[in-house]
Amino acid sequence: MTGRGATRNATPTRFNLNDREEDGDWLDDREDIDGAPPPLRTTVTIERPKTIIARNRSPDIPFDRSLNAYRGCEHGCIYCFARPTHAYHDLSPGLDFESKLFAKPDAAALLREELAKPGYKAAPLAMGTNTDPYQPIERIYGITRSCI
């Protein structure tokens, strides 16, 4: 699979244990028999969250608030620590993480709303802690730029 970090979807995940694995010597020659697989298309699903600031109370993380404008990442770095988070949504940390992306276009409005609340106390806000905030789809959506 050219242009991707993962070569297939990693299954089974701990959330999807029903899996079948193809077996047979013919798999080695599958591309010669069936032809090259079609290029994997990237899909972007729009998410409409109620809040955009995620909070944590972990003593080993140096910030307690973060903002992620996207889920999944088209860069496809195979070593990315964020890959397993796709499994929480019944998607694969393999190719799904790189090709099934989620965008939150209302992020800037939600951020303005949360920062304007009377009880909000200013603190560092980490951006893109679970995905790259400037991945290729940022050119289309511009969510990260609108949040800054």
Protein backbone atom coordinates (compact mmCIF):
# COMPACT_ATOMS: atom_id res chain seq x y z
CA MET A 1 0.00 0.00 0.00
CA THR A 2 1.92 3.04 -1.19
CA GLY A 3 1.75 6.34 0.66
CA ARG A 4 0.63 4.87 3.96
CA GLY A 5 2.51 3.95 7.13
CA ALA A 6 0.46 0.84 7.85
CA THR A 7 0.09 -1.89 5.25
CA ARG A 8 -3.16 -3.30 6.59
CA ASN A 9 -5.67 -2.95 9.38
CA ALA A 10 -4.38 -4.49 12.59
CA THR A 11 -6.96 -6.99 13.74
CA PRO A 12 -8.19 -8.30 16.03
CA THR A 13 -8.31 -5.47 18.49
CA ARG A 14 -9.31 -5.96 22.06
CA PHE A 15 -12.68 -4.49 21.17
CA ASN A 16 -13.24 -6.61 18.05
CA LEU A 17 -12.17 -10.17 18.71
CA ASN A 18 -14.16 -11.84 15.91
CA ASP A 19 -11.61 -12.12 13.14
CA ARG A 20 -10.73 -14.49 10.32
CA GLU A 21 -7.35 -14.72 8.74
CA GLU A 22 -6.94 -15.74 5.12
CA ASP A 23 -4.47 -18.54 4.65
CA GLY A 24 -2.95 -20.18 1.65
CA ASP A 25 0.04 -20.04 -0.64
CA TRP A 26 -2.00 -18.20 -3.26
CA LEU A 27 -1.90 -15.07 -1.06
CA ASP A 28 1.74 -14.59 -2.05
CA ASP A 29 0.63 -14.18 -5.68
CA ARG A 30 -2.65 -12.38 -5.00
CA GLU A 31 -1.54 -9.13 -6.67
CA ASP A 32 -0.45 -11.02 -9.80
CA ILE A 33 -3.81 -12.82 -9.95
CA ASP A 34 -6.21 -10.01 -9.00
CA GLY A 35 -4.16 -6.99 -10.01
CA ALA A 36 -3.03 -4.18 -7.76
CA PRO A 37 -5.52 -3.10 -5.10
CA PRO A 38 -7.21 0.26 -5.68
CA PRO A 39 -5.64 3.21 -3.85
CA LEU A 40 -7.04 3.69 -0.38
CA ARG A 41 -9.22 6.79 -0.23
CA THR A 42 -9.20 9.06 2.78
CA THR A 43 -12.62 9.86 4.22
CA VAL A 44 -13.35 12.68 6.64
CA THR A 45 -16.35 12.48 8.95
CA ILE A 46 -17.60 15.65 10.61
CA GLU A 47 -17.99 15.46 14.40
CA ARG A 48 -20.09 17.90 16.41
CA PRO A 49 -18.86 17.62 20.02
CA LYS A 50 -20.53 19.55 22.84
CA THR A 51 -17.19 20.65 24.30
CA ILE A 52 -13.73 20.93 22.79
CA ILE A 53 -11.40 21.14 25.79
CA ALA A 54 -10.44 17.72 27.16
CA ARG A 55 -9.27 17.62 30.76
CA ASN A 56 -7.04 15.12 32.55
CA ARG A 57 -5.84 14.70 36.11
CA SER A 58 -2.78 12.58 35.39
CA PRO A 59 0.25 13.42 37.54
CA ASP A 60 2.69 12.39 34.79
CA ILE A 61 1.30 14.73 32.09
CA PRO A 62 2.50 18.35 32.39
CA PHE A 63 -0.82 19.90 31.34
CA ASP A 64 -4.42 19.35 32.37
CA ARG A 65 -6.23 20.68 29.26
CA SER A 66 -5.94 19.81 25.61
CA LEU A 67 -7.70 20.44 22.32
CA ASN A 68 -7.77 18.02 19.39
CA ALA A 69 -9.39 19.40 16.25
CA TYR A 70 -9.03 16.06 14.44
CA ARG A 71 -9.04 12.32 15.17
CA GLY A 72 -6.86 10.06 13.09
CA CYS A 73 -3.91 11.29 11.07
CA GLU A 74 -3.15 11.13 7.38
CA HIS A 75 0.62 11.34 7.95
CA GLY A 76 0.54 7.65 8.90
CA CYS A 77 3.65 7.50 11.10
CA ILE A 78 3.75 3.83 12.06
CA TYR A 79 5.21 4.59 15.51
CA CYS A 80 2.45 7.07 16.49
CA PHE A 81 1.24 6.61 20.07
CA ALA A 82 -2.25 7.85 19.14
CA ARG A 83 -3.06 4.92 16.83
CA PRO A 84 -4.75 2.74 19.51
CA THR A 85 -7.33 5.47 20.23
CA HIS A 86 -9.11 4.55 16.99
CA ALA A 87 -9.85 1.12 18.49
CA TYR A 88 -12.11 2.78 21.10
CA HIS A 89 -14.41 3.66 18.20
CA ASP A 90 -14.32 0.15 16.68
CA LEU A 91 -11.84 1.26 14.02
CA SER A 92 -8.43 -0.20 13.33
CA PRO A 93 -5.24 1.47 14.56
CA GLY A 94 -3.77 0.41 11.20
CA LEU A 95 -5.11 1.77 7.92
CA ASP A 96 -8.30 3.14 9.49
CA PHE A 97 -6.23 5.54 11.62
CA GLU A 98 -4.70 6.97 8.43
CA SER A 99 -7.72 6.87 6.14
CA LYS A 100 -10.83 7.36 8.33
CA LEU A 101 -10.37 10.81 9.77
CA PHE A 102 -12.69 12.92 11.90
CA ALA A 103 -12.83 16.73 11.88
CA LYS A 104 -14.45 19.06 14.41
CA PRO A 105 -15.23 22.23 12.40
CA ASP A 106 -17.02 23.91 15.33
CA ALA A 107 -13.86 23.74 17.48
CA ALA A 108 -13.09 27.49 17.39
CA ALA A 109 -16.64 28.47 18.36
CA LEU A 110 -16.69 25.88 21.14
CA LEU A 111 -13.30 27.10 22.38
CA ARG A 112 -14.49 30.73 22.45
CA GLU A 113 -17.59 29.62 24.34
CA GLU A 114 -15.61 27.66 26.95
CA LEU A 115 -13.01 30.40 27.46
CA ALA A 116 -15.78 32.99 27.96
CA LYS A 117 -17.49 31.06 30.77
CA PRO A 118 -17.44 33.03 34.04
CA GLY A 119 -15.73 30.28 36.05
CA TYR A 120 -12.98 29.52 33.52
CA LYS A 121 -9.47 29.87 34.93
CA ALA A 122 -6.70 30.46 32.42
CA ALA A 123 -4.13 27.67 32.11
CA PRO A 124 -1.91 26.24 29.36
CA LEU A 125 -3.91 24.50 26.63
CA ALA A 126 -2.06 21.82 24.68
CA MET A 127 -3.12 21.46 21.05
CA GLY A 128 -2.86 18.31 18.98
CA THR A 129 -1.90 16.00 21.82
CA ASN A 130 -3.56 12.99 20.21
CA THR A 131 -3.04 13.80 16.53
CA ASP A 132 -1.06 16.24 14.41
CA PRO A 133 -2.95 19.56 14.36
CA TYR A 134 -1.35 20.47 11.00
CA GLN A 135 -2.01 17.32 9.01
CA PRO A 136 -2.90 17.50 5.29
CA ILE A 137 -6.66 17.98 5.83
CA GLU A 138 -5.91 21.19 7.77
CA ARG A 139 -5.43 22.82 4.34
CA ILE A 140 -9.10 22.15 3.62
CA TYR A 141 -10.69 22.67 7.04
CA GLY A 142 -8.37 25.21 8.73
CA ILE A 143 -9.67 24.24 12.17
CA THR A 144 -6.34 24.52 13.99
CA ARG A 145 -5.70 27.98 12.55
CA SER A 146 -9.17 29.13 13.55
CA CYS A 147 -8.56 27.97 17.13
CA ILE A 148 -5.30 29.88 17.41
